Amino acid sequence: MNQTQRPLAPHLQIYRPQITSILSILHRLTGIFLTSGTLALVIWLSAIAEGKFSYETWQIFFHHWLSKVYFFALSYSFFYHLCN
């Protein structure tokens, strides 16, 4: 019996991504990114609980320009995840 070998599933080289699959992946990635935002919130709240010196130390860290970019991306992720 002569059988041809056919693939069981489409390969990634021939698969064309659809907008729904891209948005689904982006939704999952923003959810993962929001987890890091929750960690930043816990650090900030624990710094408040520890006292003035710890709070001021973390405030210096959070006022860095890279932290501001991080929080902007975090707010975008939050609103995208919320609206999705």
C-alpha atoms as a PDB file:
ATOM      1  CA  MET A   1       0.000   0.000   0.000  1.00  0.00           C
ATOM      2  CA  ASN A   2       1.462   3.334  -1.062  1.00  0.00           C
ATOM      3  CA  GLN A   3       0.673   6.132   1.392  1.00  0.00           C
ATOM      4  CA  THR A   4       1.893   9.704   1.119  1.00  0.00           C
ATOM      5  CA  GLN A   5       3.367  11.353   4.196  1.00  0.00           C
ATOM      6  CA  ARG A   6       1.344  14.419   5.076  1.00  0.00           C
ATOM      7  CA  PRO A   7       1.974  16.728   8.035  1.00  0.00           C
ATOM      8  CA  LEU A   8      -0.413  16.448  10.966  1.00  0.00           C
ATOM      9  CA  ALA A   9      -0.573  20.204  11.627  1.00  0.00           C
ATOM     10  CA  PRO A  10       0.363  23.306   9.647  1.00  0.00           C
ATOM     11  CA  HIS A  11       3.922  24.481  10.114  1.00  0.00           C
ATOM     12  CA  LEU A  12       4.765  27.961  11.348  1.00  0.00           C
ATOM     13  CA  GLN A  13       6.429  28.796   8.034  1.00  0.00           C
ATOM     14  CA  ILE A  14       3.141  28.507   6.142  1.00  0.00           C
ATOM     15  CA  TYR A  15       0.796  29.700   8.895  1.00  0.00           C
ATOM     16  CA  ARG A  16      -0.408  33.279   8.414  1.00  0.00           C
ATOM     17  CA  PRO A  17      -1.167  34.962  11.764  1.00  0.00           C
ATOM     18  CA  GLN A  18      -4.624  36.449  12.090  1.00  0.00           C
ATOM     19  CA  ILE A  19      -5.541  39.596  13.980  1.00  0.00           C
ATOM     20  CA  THR A  20      -7.448  37.606  16.605  1.00  0.00           C
ATOM     21  CA  SER A  21      -4.459  35.400  17.378  1.00  0.00           C
ATOM     22  CA  ILE A  22      -2.125  38.407  17.641  1.00  0.00           C
ATOM     23  CA  LEU A  23      -4.530  40.213  19.978  1.00  0.00           C
ATOM     24  CA  SER A  24      -4.914  37.080  22.081  1.00  0.00           C
ATOM     25  CA  ILE A  25      -1.151  36.772  22.479  1.00  0.00           C
ATOM     26  CA  LEU A  26      -0.902  40.482  23.324  1.00  0.00           C
ATOM     27  CA  HIS A  27      -3.641  40.063  25.933  1.00  0.00           C
ATOM     28  CA  ARG A  28      -1.687  37.253  27.580  1.00  0.00           C
ATOM     29  CA  LEU A  29       1.574  39.230  27.513  1.00  0.00           C
ATOM     30  CA  THR A  30      -0.047  42.273  29.110  1.00  0.00           C
ATOM     31  CA  GLY A  31      -1.457  40.017  31.811  1.00  0.00           C
ATOM     32  CA  ILE A  32       2.024  38.719  32.545  1.00  0.00           C
ATOM     33  CA  PHE A  33       3.389  42.280  32.540  1.00  0.00           C
ATOM     34  CA  LEU A  34       0.680  43.347  34.996  1.00  0.00           C
ATOM     35  CA  THR A  35       2.048  40.778  37.426  1.00  0.00           C
ATOM     36  CA  SER A  36       5.270  42.763  37.608  1.00  0.00           C
ATOM     37  CA  GLY A  37       3.183  45.864  38.288  1.00  0.00           C
ATOM     38  CA  THR A  38       1.549  44.114  41.205  1.00  0.00           C
ATOM     39  CA  LEU A  39       5.002  43.343  42.544  1.00  0.00           C
ATOM     40  CA  ALA A  40       5.966  47.029  42.238  1.00  0.00           C
ATOM     41  CA  LEU A  41       2.800  47.985  44.123  1.00  0.00           C
ATOM     42  CA  VAL A  42       3.639  45.541  46.924  1.00  0.00           C
ATOM     43  CA  ILE A  43       7.171  46.967  47.160  1.00  0.00           C
ATOM     44  CA  TRP A  44       5.800  50.512  47.364  1.00  0.00           C
ATOM     45  CA  LEU A  45       3.238  49.616  50.039  1.00  0.00           C
ATOM     46  CA  SER A  46       5.804  47.730  52.103  1.00  0.00           C
ATOM     47  CA  ALA A  47       8.127  50.747  51.870  1.00  0.00           C
ATOM     48  CA  ILE A  48       5.334  52.887  53.327  1.00  0.00           C
ATOM     49  CA  ALA A  49       4.883  50.387  56.145  1.00  0.00           C
ATOM     50  CA  GLU A  50       8.626  50.238  56.916  1.00  0.00           C
ATOM     51  CA  GLY A  51       9.029  53.946  57.529  1.00  0.00           C
ATOM     52  CA  LYS A  52      10.123  57.276  56.133  1.00  0.00           C
ATOM     53  CA  PHE A  53      13.685  56.325  55.126  1.00  0.00           C
ATOM     54  CA  SER A  54      12.608  53.272  53.141  1.00  0.00           C
ATOM     55  CA  TYR A  55       9.790  55.200  51.469  1.00  0.00           C
ATOM     56  CA  GLU A  56      12.113  58.031  50.403  1.00  0.00           C
ATOM     57  CA  THR A  57      14.639  55.529  49.050  1.00  0.00           C
ATOM     58  CA  TRP A  58      12.029  53.872  46.846  1.00  0.00           C
ATOM     59  CA  GLN A  59      10.643  57.232  45.768  1.00  0.00           C
ATOM     60  CA  ILE A  60      14.081  58.151  44.399  1.00  0.00           C
ATOM     61  CA  PHE A  61      14.093  54.870  42.481  1.00  0.00           C
ATOM     62  CA  PHE A  62      10.548  55.391  41.165  1.00  0.00           C
ATOM     63  CA  HIS A  63      11.333  58.924  39.927  1.00  0.00           C
ATOM     64  CA  HIS A  64      14.035  57.687  37.561  1.00  0.00           C
ATOM     65  CA  TRP A  65      13.198  58.166  33.866  1.00  0.00           C
ATOM     66  CA  LEU A  66      13.336  54.430  33.211  1.00  0.00           C
ATOM     67  CA  SER A  67      10.804  53.824  35.970  1.00  0.00           C
ATOM     68  CA  LYS A  68       8.529  56.413  34.393  1.00  0.00           C
ATOM     69  CA  VAL A  69       8.710  54.563  31.070  1.00  0.00           C
ATOM     70  CA  TYR A  70       7.932  51.335  32.934  1.00  0.00           C
ATOM     71  CA  PHE A  71       4.888  52.870  34.620  1.00  0.00           C
ATOM     72  CA  PHE A  72       3.660  54.313  31.329  1.00  0.00           C
ATOM     73  CA  ALA A  73       3.894  50.839  29.751  1.00  0.00           C
ATOM     74  CA  LEU A  74       2.207  49.426  32.824  1.00  0.00           C
ATOM     75  CA  SER A  75      -0.710  51.846  32.525  1.00  0.00           C
ATOM     76  CA  TYR A  76      -1.061  51.021  28.814  1.00  0.00           C
ATOM     77  CA  SER A  77      -1.060  47.321  29.676  1.00  0.00           C
ATOM     78  CA  PHE A  78      -3.669  47.857  32.370  1.00  0.00           C
ATOM     79  CA  PHE A  79      -6.078  49.717  30.104  1.00  0.00           C
ATOM     80  CA  TYR A  80      -5.537  47.356  27.178  1.00  0.00           C
ATOM     81  CA  HIS A  81      -6.135  44.352  29.422  1.00  0.00           C
ATOM     82  CA  LEU A  82      -9.175  46.031  30.964  1.00  0.00           C
ATOM     83  CA  CYS A  83     -10.772  46.898  27.620  1.00  0.00           C
ATOM     84  CA  ASN A  84     -10.005  43.525  26.116  1.00  0.00           C
END
